[in-house]
């Protein structure tokens, strides 16, 4: 009779697990790695990796190629090849595309069969896709869908099928959370808006405009609470006296553009600070203020620092002054490491938070120096500030490359039919 999880954990020798992780860092018997390579691949402490490399060398499992590099004596039996399902968010913006691309790269590197379906930013589709991944008999599912209301239904299906799953950015009951530290991310944005207002507006603020993502629920709302708290922390009484307006931009460029247009027609506020739940909403707000000729006394901060927003940060006279970086291009590696830990029944935290960094007009080239190689071909820019309303609307319906609903895209050595 198999041992239950608690008993299995009791008899696990952690030092042996760490040694196996070091051996697993070598992709083949011929690959030579330095200490820093092993540290990067295992994410263990440098001192521990050094001692394990020395011990494995003494035990005859590794040989030294030169003073700094090691390689396997013989091929180590590789771990079981996993089939992992990924339900992509499906929103037409660069952040989910970056997450998907990074996950595909990581799956290729780790020889994982990745089954990809598209939630199309629709709750009913997300439920159907969860059922599809269960029928595909995936070992683990990674769920990226935005509607908090259907999270319990999706979670129930995975739990009944006994499939562990990871939820990106939106908590799902029973899932391991991977994504933003929402309040912290909002606080970074709010503090920067406050500092900008102090420098450029003499601390005067008439209105604080918050673009929410209501369907995502309480956790993403905490992001906006953080924005407001950060502004008030920096500006004090001036921020307390400002009018606070919340609009639901639904995390989309077109919806946010239309909502802010409508709001500006009835608002006489001159000095405005805008905090958005994500970059598509931030870009929609920025365009609305540009159309209205009110960009010079407004500042917008987004969330995600996705390629579209980074392109806009490099534009002259843009009201977008910053975006909080989530580094979606690194999500794949982190997601698969967490997936392997779950599948190996290792102890994992209930939530794994991504690193946040404020990306501004001043530092965007430092953090993303290679954007110029990618952006012209892949990222649509906002229309020129002098363009017409129709130009903005055409930008809003830009169609990204789509994934199949309930289709299959396999990443790895074996290709599955779509």
Protein backbone atom coordinates (compact mmCIF):
# COMPACT_ATOMS: atom_id res chain seq x y z
CA UNK A 1 0.00 0.00 0.00
CA UNK A 2 1.52 3.39 -0.93
CA UNK A 3 2.59 5.68 1.89
CA UNK A 4 0.52 8.81 2.40
CA UNK A 5 2.11 12.22 1.87
CA UNK A 6 2.85 12.90 5.55
CA UNK A 7 4.68 9.60 5.94
CA UNK A 8 6.59 10.09 2.69
CA UNK A 9 7.80 13.50 3.84
CA UNK A 10 8.91 12.09 7.21
CA UNK A 11 11.34 9.66 5.57
CA UNK A 12 12.76 12.04 2.96
CA UNK A 13 16.46 12.87 3.48
CA UNK A 14 16.73 16.49 2.42
CA UNK A 15 20.47 16.41 1.74
CA UNK A 16 19.93 13.59 -0.77
CA UNK A 17 17.17 15.61 -2.45
CA UNK A 18 19.55 18.58 -2.75
CA UNK A 19 22.27 16.33 -4.21
CA UNK A 20 19.81 14.97 -6.80
CA UNK A 21 18.86 18.54 -7.68
CA UNK A 22 22.53 19.34 -8.34
CA UNK A 23 22.92 16.25 -10.55
CA UNK A 24 19.70 17.20 -12.34
CA UNK A 25 21.20 20.61 -13.21
CA UNK A 26 23.38 18.84 -15.79
CA UNK A 27 21.35 18.41 -18.99
CA UNK A 28 23.63 15.68 -20.35
CA UNK A 29 26.73 13.71 -19.43
CA UNK A 30 28.92 15.93 -21.61
CA UNK A 31 27.77 19.29 -20.29
CA UNK A 32 30.32 21.14 -18.13
CA UNK A 33 29.01 23.58 -15.53
CA UNK A 34 30.60 26.11 -13.23
CA UNK A 35 29.52 26.69 -9.67
CA UNK A 36 27.54 29.78 -10.65
CA UNK A 37 25.72 27.80 -13.36
CA UNK A 38 24.61 25.20 -10.81
CA UNK A 39 23.51 27.96 -8.40
CA UNK A 40 21.43 29.59 -11.16
CA UNK A 41 19.76 26.33 -12.22
CA UNK A 42 19.03 24.95 -8.75
CA UNK A 43 18.39 28.28 -6.99
CA UNK A 44 20.17 26.91 -3.94
CA UNK A 45 22.73 28.81 -1.85
CA UNK A 46 26.21 29.13 -3.29
CA UNK A 47 27.83 27.54 -0.25
CA UNK A 48 25.52 24.52 -0.35
CA UNK A 49 26.12 24.02 -4.08
CA UNK A 50 29.87 24.21 -3.58
CA UNK A 51 29.82 21.56 -0.83
CA UNK A 52 27.54 19.28 -2.85
CA UNK A 53 29.68 19.57 -5.97
CA UNK A 54 32.80 18.75 -3.95
CA UNK A 55 31.07 15.77 -2.29
CA UNK A 56 29.68 14.39 -5.55
CA UNK A 57 33.13 14.72 -7.08
CA UNK A 58 34.67 12.83 -4.16
CA UNK A 59 32.00 10.11 -4.53
CA UNK A 60 32.83 9.65 -8.20
CA UNK A 61 29.56 10.97 -9.64
CA UNK A 62 31.15 14.13 -11.04
CA UNK A 63 34.53 14.85 -12.57
CA UNK A 64 36.40 18.13 -12.73
CA UNK A 65 37.03 19.34 -16.25
CA UNK A 66 39.30 22.16 -15.09
CA UNK A 67 39.68 24.38 -12.04
CA UNK A 68 36.12 25.71 -12.20
CA UNK A 69 33.93 23.27 -14.18
CA UNK A 70 32.30 19.91 -13.42
CA UNK A 71 30.54 17.31 -15.55
CA UNK A 72 28.73 14.03 -15.00
CA UNK A 73 30.71 10.79 -15.03
CA UNK A 74 27.79 9.04 -16.76
CA UNK A 75 24.25 9.85 -17.87
CA UNK A 76 21.81 10.20 -14.95
CA UNK A 77 18.34 8.79 -15.49
CA UNK A 78 16.15 11.76 -16.30
CA UNK A 79 12.93 12.45 -14.48
CA UNK A 80 9.58 11.40 -15.86
CA UNK A 81 8.41 13.56 -18.75
CA UNK A 82 5.48 15.60 -17.54
CA UNK A 83 2.42 16.73 -19.45
CA UNK A 84 1.37 20.16 -18.16
CA UNK A 85 -1.72 22.09 -19.23
CA UNK A 86 -1.70 25.86 -19.62
CA UNK A 87 -4.96 27.79 -19.90
CA UNK A 88 -3.81 31.13 -21.32
CA UNK A 89 -5.65 34.30 -20.35
CA UNK A 90 -6.42 35.25 -23.95
CA UNK A 91 -6.50 39.02 -23.49
CA UNK A 92 -5.29 41.00 -26.49
CA UNK A 93 -2.24 42.57 -24.85
CA UNK A 94 1.46 41.88 -24.68
CA UNK A 95 1.61 40.69 -21.05
CA UNK A 96 -0.19 37.34 -21.57
CA UNK A 97 1.74 36.85 -24.80
CA UNK A 98 5.00 37.31 -22.88
CA UNK A 99 3.88 34.84 -20.21
CA UNK A 100 3.01 32.24 -22.86
CA UNK A 101 6.28 32.73 -24.74
CA UNK A 102 8.35 32.37 -21.56
CA UNK A 103 6.45 29.24 -20.56
CA UNK A 104 6.96 27.70 -24.00
CA UNK A 105 10.71 28.43 -23.81
CA UNK A 106 10.94 26.86 -20.36
CA UNK A 107 8.92 23.81 -21.45
CA UNK A 108 11.21 23.29 -24.43
CA UNK A 109 14.27 23.56 -22.20
CA UNK A 110 12.89 21.12 -19.61
CA UNK A 111 11.40 18.68 -22.15
CA UNK A 112 7.87 19.19 -20.86
CA UNK A 113 4.82 18.49 -23.01
CA UNK A 114 2.87 21.73 -22.71
CA UNK A 115 -0.80 21.59 -23.74
CA UNK A 116 -2.00 25.14 -24.39
CA UNK A 117 -5.62 26.34 -24.59
CA UNK A 118 -7.00 29.88 -24.81
CA UNK A 119 -9.45 31.23 -22.21
CA UNK A 120 -10.22 34.19 -24.50
CA UNK A 121 -10.77 36.41 -21.43
CA UNK A 122 -14.19 34.77 -21.06
CA UNK A 123 -15.32 32.87 -17.93
CA UNK A 124 -17.41 30.25 -19.74
CA UNK A 125 -14.54 29.43 -22.06
CA UNK A 126 -12.24 29.10 -19.05
CA UNK A 127 -14.54 26.51 -17.47
CA UNK A 128 -14.71 24.52 -20.73
CA UNK A 129 -10.94 24.64 -21.07
CA UNK A 130 -10.46 23.27 -17.55
CA UNK A 131 -12.66 20.32 -18.54
CA UNK A 132 -10.62 19.90 -21.72
CA UNK A 133 -7.30 19.80 -19.83
CA UNK A 134 -8.74 17.19 -17.47
CA UNK A 135 -9.71 15.04 -20.47
CA UNK A 136 -6.16 15.45 -21.75
CA UNK A 137 -4.98 13.83 -18.50
CA UNK A 138 -2.45 16.53 -17.70
CA UNK A 139 -0.18 15.97 -14.71
CA UNK A 140 -0.67 19.57 -13.56
CA UNK A 141 -2.56 22.62 -14.80
CA UNK A 142 -1.53 26.26 -14.87
CA UNK A 143 -4.61 28.48 -14.92
CA UNK A 144 -4.50 32.10 -16.08
CA UNK A 145 -8.04 33.45 -16.10
CA UNK A 146 -9.29 36.74 -14.74
CA UNK A 147 -12.84 36.17 -13.40
CA UNK A 148 -12.91 35.61 -9.66
CA UNK A 149 -16.57 34.52 -9.90
CA UNK A 150 -15.79 31.30 -11.80
CA UNK A 151 -12.60 30.45 -9.90
CA UNK A 152 -14.44 28.11 -7.46
CA UNK A 153 -16.07 26.17 -10.33
CA UNK A 154 -12.74 25.75 -12.13
CA UNK A 155 -10.97 24.78 -8.90
CA UNK A 156 -13.64 22.20 -8.11
CA UNK A 157 -13.07 20.45 -11.43
CA UNK A 158 -9.31 20.16 -10.95
CA UNK A 159 -9.67 19.04 -7.34
CA UNK A 160 -12.23 16.36 -8.24
CA UNK A 161 -9.86 15.09 -10.93
CA UNK A 162 -7.01 15.08 -8.39
CA UNK A 163 -4.92 17.38 -10.61
CA UNK A 164 -2.71 19.90 -8.80
CA UNK A 165 -2.86 23.38 -10.29
CA UNK A 166 -1.26 26.80 -10.17
CA UNK A 167 -3.27 30.01 -10.48
CA UNK A 168 -1.60 33.04 -12.06
CA UNK A 169 -2.53 36.43 -10.55
CA UNK A 170 -6.13 35.49 -9.58
CA UNK A 171 -6.48 33.18 -6.53
CA UNK A 172 -8.40 29.93 -7.01
CA UNK A 173 -9.45 27.73 -4.07
CA UNK A 174 -6.96 24.92 -3.57
CA UNK A 175 -4.44 26.31 -6.08
CA UNK A 176 -0.90 27.47 -5.43
CA UNK A 177 -0.82 31.18 -6.25
CA UNK A 178 1.85 32.59 -8.58
CA UNK A 179 1.94 36.26 -9.45
CA UNK A 180 1.74 39.78 -8.16
CA UNK A 181 2.09 41.00 -4.61
CA UNK A 182 -0.83 43.28 -5.37
CA UNK A 183 -0.81 45.77 -2.52
CA UNK A 184 2.97 46.15 -2.73
CA UNK A 185 2.78 46.72 -6.50
CA UNK A 186 0.07 49.34 -6.03
CA UNK A 187 2.06 51.07 -3.31
CA UNK A 188 5.07 51.44 -5.62
CA UNK A 189 2.84 53.04 -8.26
CA UNK A 190 1.12 55.37 -5.81
CA UNK A 191 4.34 56.62 -4.25
CA UNK A 192 5.78 57.42 -7.66
CA UNK A 193 2.63 59.30 -8.69
CA UNK A 194 2.84 61.31 -5.47
CA UNK A 195 6.50 62.14 -6.05
CA UNK A 196 5.72 63.22 -9.63
CA UNK A 197 2.92 65.49 -8.41
CA UNK A 198 5.21 67.04 -5.81
CA UNK A 199 7.90 67.74 -8.44
CA UNK A 200 5.75 68.80 -11.41
CA UNK A 201 2.54 70.13 -9.86
CA UNK A 202 3.84 71.59 -6.63
CA UNK A 203 1.91 68.89 -4.77
CA UNK A 204 -1.46 70.12 -6.09
CA UNK A 205 -3.88 67.35 -7.05
CA UNK A 206 -7.53 67.91 -7.99
CA UNK A 207 -8.44 64.31 -8.77
CA UNK A 208 -7.15 60.78 -8.31
CA UNK A 209 -8.51 58.48 -11.01
CA UNK A 210 -8.35 54.71 -10.38
CA UNK A 211 -8.97 52.32 -13.27
CA UNK A 212 -10.13 49.08 -11.68
CA UNK A 213 -10.42 45.51 -12.94
CA UNK A 214 -13.63 44.63 -11.10
CA UNK A 215 -14.13 41.09 -12.36
CA UNK A 216 -10.73 40.06 -10.93
CA UNK A 217 -12.02 40.48 -7.39
CA UNK A 218 -10.69 41.58 -4.04
CA UNK A 219 -7.02 40.71 -4.47
CA UNK A 220 -6.52 42.84 -7.57
CA UNK A 221 -8.61 45.57 -5.91
CA UNK A 222 -5.90 45.58 -3.22
CA UNK A 223 -3.56 46.82 -5.96
CA UNK A 224 -5.70 49.95 -6.32
CA UNK A 225 -5.89 50.38 -2.56
CA UNK A 226 -2.10 50.36 -2.60
CA UNK A 227 -2.04 53.07 -5.28
CA UNK A 228 -4.26 55.33 -3.20
CA UNK A 229 -2.30 54.65 -0.02
CA UNK A 230 1.00 55.43 -1.78
CA UNK A 231 -0.26 58.77 -3.11
CA UNK A 232 -1.59 59.77 0.30
CA UNK A 233 1.62 58.68 2.01
CA UNK A 234 3.64 61.10 -0.14
CA UNK A 235 1.22 64.03 -0.52
CA UNK A 236 -0.59 63.91 2.80
CA UNK A 237 -3.41 66.45 3.16
CA UNK A 238 -3.28 67.46 -0.51
CA UNK A 239 -4.18 63.93 -1.53
CA UNK A 240 -6.81 63.61 1.18
CA UNK A 241 -8.57 66.68 -0.23
CA UNK A 242 -8.51 65.41 -3.83
CA UNK A 243 -11.57 63.80 -5.35
CA UNK A 244 -11.16 60.04 -5.83
CA UNK A 245 -12.92 58.50 -8.85
CA UNK A 246 -13.00 54.77 -9.61
CA UNK A 247 -13.85 53.48 -13.09
CA UNK A 248 -13.96 49.88 -14.28
CA UNK A 249 -11.63 49.66 -17.26
CA UNK A 250 -11.93 45.86 -17.29
CA UNK A 251 -8.20 45.65 -17.89
CA UNK A 252 -8.68 46.46 -21.57
CA UNK A 253 -7.48 49.33 -23.75
CA UNK A 254 -10.73 50.03 -25.56
CA UNK A 255 -12.97 49.86 -22.48
CA UNK A 256 -10.60 52.10 -20.50
CA UNK A 257 -10.31 54.57 -23.38
CA UNK A 258 -14.09 54.88 -23.62
CA UNK A 259 -14.64 55.12 -19.85
CA UNK A 260 -12.02 57.85 -19.42
CA UNK A 261 -13.31 59.75 -22.46
CA UNK A 262 -16.77 59.73 -20.92
CA UNK A 263 -15.43 60.82 -17.55
CA UNK A 264 -13.37 63.69 -18.98
CA UNK A 265 -16.41 65.13 -20.75
CA UNK A 266 -17.93 65.85 -17.33
CA UNK A 267 -14.81 66.56 -15.27
CA UNK A 268 -13.13 69.93 -14.88
CA UNK A 269 -10.25 68.61 -12.77
CA UNK A 270 -6.96 70.03 -14.00
CA UNK A 271 -4.30 68.17 -12.01
CA UNK A 272 -5.04 64.45 -12.23
CA UNK A 273 -3.14 61.36 -11.10
CA UNK A 274 -4.16 58.06 -12.72
CA UNK A 275 -3.45 54.62 -11.32
CA UNK A 276 -4.43 51.69 -13.55
CA UNK A 277 -4.87 48.01 -12.73
CA UNK A 278 -2.77 47.02 -15.75
CA UNK A 279 -1.02 48.49 -18.77
CA UNK A 280 -3.83 48.20 -21.34
CA UNK A 281 -5.99 50.33 -19.02
CA UNK A 282 -3.12 52.75 -18.45
CA UNK A 283 -2.59 53.13 -22.20
CA UNK A 284 -6.30 53.70 -22.76
CA UNK A 285 -6.33 56.44 -20.12
CA UNK A 286 -3.21 58.06 -21.54
CA UNK A 287 -4.78 58.20 -24.98
CA UNK A 288 -8.01 59.73 -23.65
CA UNK A 289 -6.08 62.53 -21.91
CA UNK A 290 -4.04 63.14 -25.07
CA UNK A 291 -7.21 63.36 -27.18
CA UNK A 292 -8.65 65.90 -24.77
CA UNK A 293 -5.52 68.06 -24.80
CA UNK A 294 -5.05 67.48 -21.06
CA UNK A 295 -1.95 65.32 -21.00
CA UNK A 296 0.46 67.96 -19.68
CA UNK A 297 -1.08 68.14 -16.19
CA UNK A 298 -1.85 64.46 -15.77
CA UNK A 299 0.32 61.47 -14.92
CA UNK A 300 -0.50 57.79 -15.49
CA UNK A 301 1.15 54.73 -13.94
CA UNK A 302 0.33 51.21 -15.14
CA UNK A 303 1.05 47.69 -13.94
CA UNK A 304 3.05 44.89 -15.62
CA UNK A 305 5.60 46.93 -17.65
CA UNK A 306 4.66 44.85 -20.68
CA UNK A 307 6.17 45.62 -24.11
CA UNK A 308 3.32 47.91 -25.22
CA UNK A 309 3.81 50.10 -22.15
CA UNK A 310 7.60 50.09 -22.45
CA UNK A 311 7.24 51.32 -26.02
CA UNK A 312 4.97 54.13 -24.83
CA UNK A 313 7.40 55.12 -22.05
CA UNK A 314 9.95 55.92 -24.77
CA UNK A 315 7.55 58.25 -26.58
CA UNK A 316 7.94 62.04 -26.09
CA UNK A 317 5.12 63.92 -24.34
CA UNK A 318 3.38 60.81 -23.12
CA UNK A 319 1.41 61.10 -19.87
CA UNK A 320 2.49 57.53 -18.99
CA UNK A 321 5.34 58.09 -16.55
CA UNK A 322 5.92 54.55 -15.24
CA UNK A 323 4.67 51.00 -14.96
CA UNK A 324 5.34 48.52 -12.18
CA UNK A 325 7.34 45.67 -13.66
CA UNK A 326 6.29 42.04 -13.17
CA UNK A 327 8.84 40.60 -15.65
CA UNK A 328 6.48 38.21 -17.47
CA UNK A 329 9.38 37.06 -19.66
CA UNK A 330 10.65 35.22 -16.55
CA UNK A 331 7.37 33.62 -15.55
CA UNK A 332 7.97 30.36 -17.42
CA UNK A 333 11.02 29.31 -15.46
CA UNK A 334 9.39 30.13 -12.12
CA UNK A 335 6.13 28.39 -13.03
CA UNK A 336 7.84 25.18 -14.09
CA UNK A 337 10.07 25.11 -11.02
CA UNK A 338 6.95 25.42 -8.86
CA UNK A 339 5.19 22.78 -10.97
CA UNK A 340 8.07 20.30 -10.52
CA UNK A 341 8.08 20.91 -6.76
CA UNK A 342 4.34 20.21 -6.59
CA UNK A 343 4.62 17.08 -8.73
CA UNK A 344 7.53 15.83 -6.59
CA UNK A 345 5.46 16.43 -3.42
CA UNK A 346 8.03 18.87 -2.09
CA UNK A 347 6.97 21.42 0.47
CA UNK A 348 5.83 24.58 -1.31
CA UNK A 349 4.51 27.93 -0.04
CA UNK A 350 0.83 28.74 -0.65
CA UNK A 351 1.87 31.77 -2.71
CA UNK A 352 4.91 32.60 -4.83
CA UNK A 353 5.23 36.32 -5.54
CA UNK A 354 6.99 37.80 -8.55
CA UNK A 355 9.61 40.51 -8.13
CA UNK A 356 8.39 44.07 -8.69
CA UNK A 357 10.41 46.97 -10.03
CA UNK A 358 9.22 50.41 -11.04
CA UNK A 359 9.99 50.90 -14.74
CA UNK A 360 10.13 54.58 -15.67
CA UNK A 361 11.00 56.72 -18.66
CA UNK A 362 14.47 57.10 -17.15
CA UNK A 363 15.32 53.44 -16.48
CA UNK A 364 13.37 51.49 -19.12
CA UNK A 365 16.44 51.15 -21.36
CA UNK A 366 18.49 49.89 -18.42
CA UNK A 367 16.10 47.06 -17.61
CA UNK A 368 15.09 46.34 -21.22
CA UNK A 369 18.04 47.32 -23.45
CA UNK A 370 17.02 44.90 -26.21
CA UNK A 371 13.48 46.18 -26.73
CA UNK A 372 14.53 48.06 -29.84
CA UNK A 373 15.26 44.73 -31.52
CA UNK A 374 11.70 43.50 -30.93
CA UNK A 375 9.26 46.35 -30.66
CA UNK A 376 8.98 47.64 -34.24
CA UNK A 377 7.73 44.29 -35.51
CA UNK A 378 5.66 43.09 -32.60
CA UNK A 379 4.18 45.92 -30.56
CA UNK A 380 1.53 48.38 -31.74
CA UNK A 381 2.19 51.94 -30.62
CA UNK A 382 -0.39 54.41 -29.46
CA UNK A 383 -1.52 56.73 -32.23
CA UNK A 384 0.17 60.10 -32.40
CA UNK A 385 -1.26 62.52 -29.78
CA UNK A 386 -2.63 64.67 -32.60
CA UNK A 387 -4.46 61.74 -34.22
CA UNK A 388 -8.21 61.52 -34.43
CA UNK A 389 -10.62 59.54 -32.28
CA UNK A 390 -10.96 57.06 -35.14
CA UNK A 391 -7.20 56.41 -35.01
CA UNK A 392 -7.50 55.50 -31.34
CA UNK A 393 -10.41 53.20 -32.04
CA UNK A 394 -8.43 51.42 -34.76
CA UNK A 395 -5.61 50.88 -32.25
CA UNK A 396 -8.12 49.46 -29.77
CA UNK A 397 -9.21 46.68 -32.10
CA UNK A 398 -5.68 45.54 -32.97
CA UNK A 399 -5.90 41.76 -33.31
CA UNK A 400 -3.14 39.67 -31.76
CA UNK A 401 -2.23 36.17 -32.85
CA UNK A 402 -4.75 33.86 -31.19
CA UNK A 403 -4.62 30.43 -29.62
CA UNK A 404 -7.19 27.71 -30.23
CA UNK A 405 -10.06 27.21 -27.81
CA UNK A 406 -9.82 23.67 -26.58
CA UNK A 407 -7.02 23.06 -29.07
CA UNK A 408 -3.65 21.55 -28.39
CA UNK A 409 -0.19 22.96 -28.85
CA UNK A 410 2.54 20.72 -27.47
CA UNK A 411 5.99 22.01 -26.62
CA UNK A 412 8.80 19.49 -26.33
CA UNK A 413 10.13 16.67 -28.43
CA UNK A 414 6.72 15.17 -29.28
CA UNK A 415 4.23 17.34 -31.10
CA UNK A 416 0.54 16.81 -30.45
CA UNK A 417 -2.09 17.54 -33.10
CA UNK A 418 -3.94 20.82 -32.87
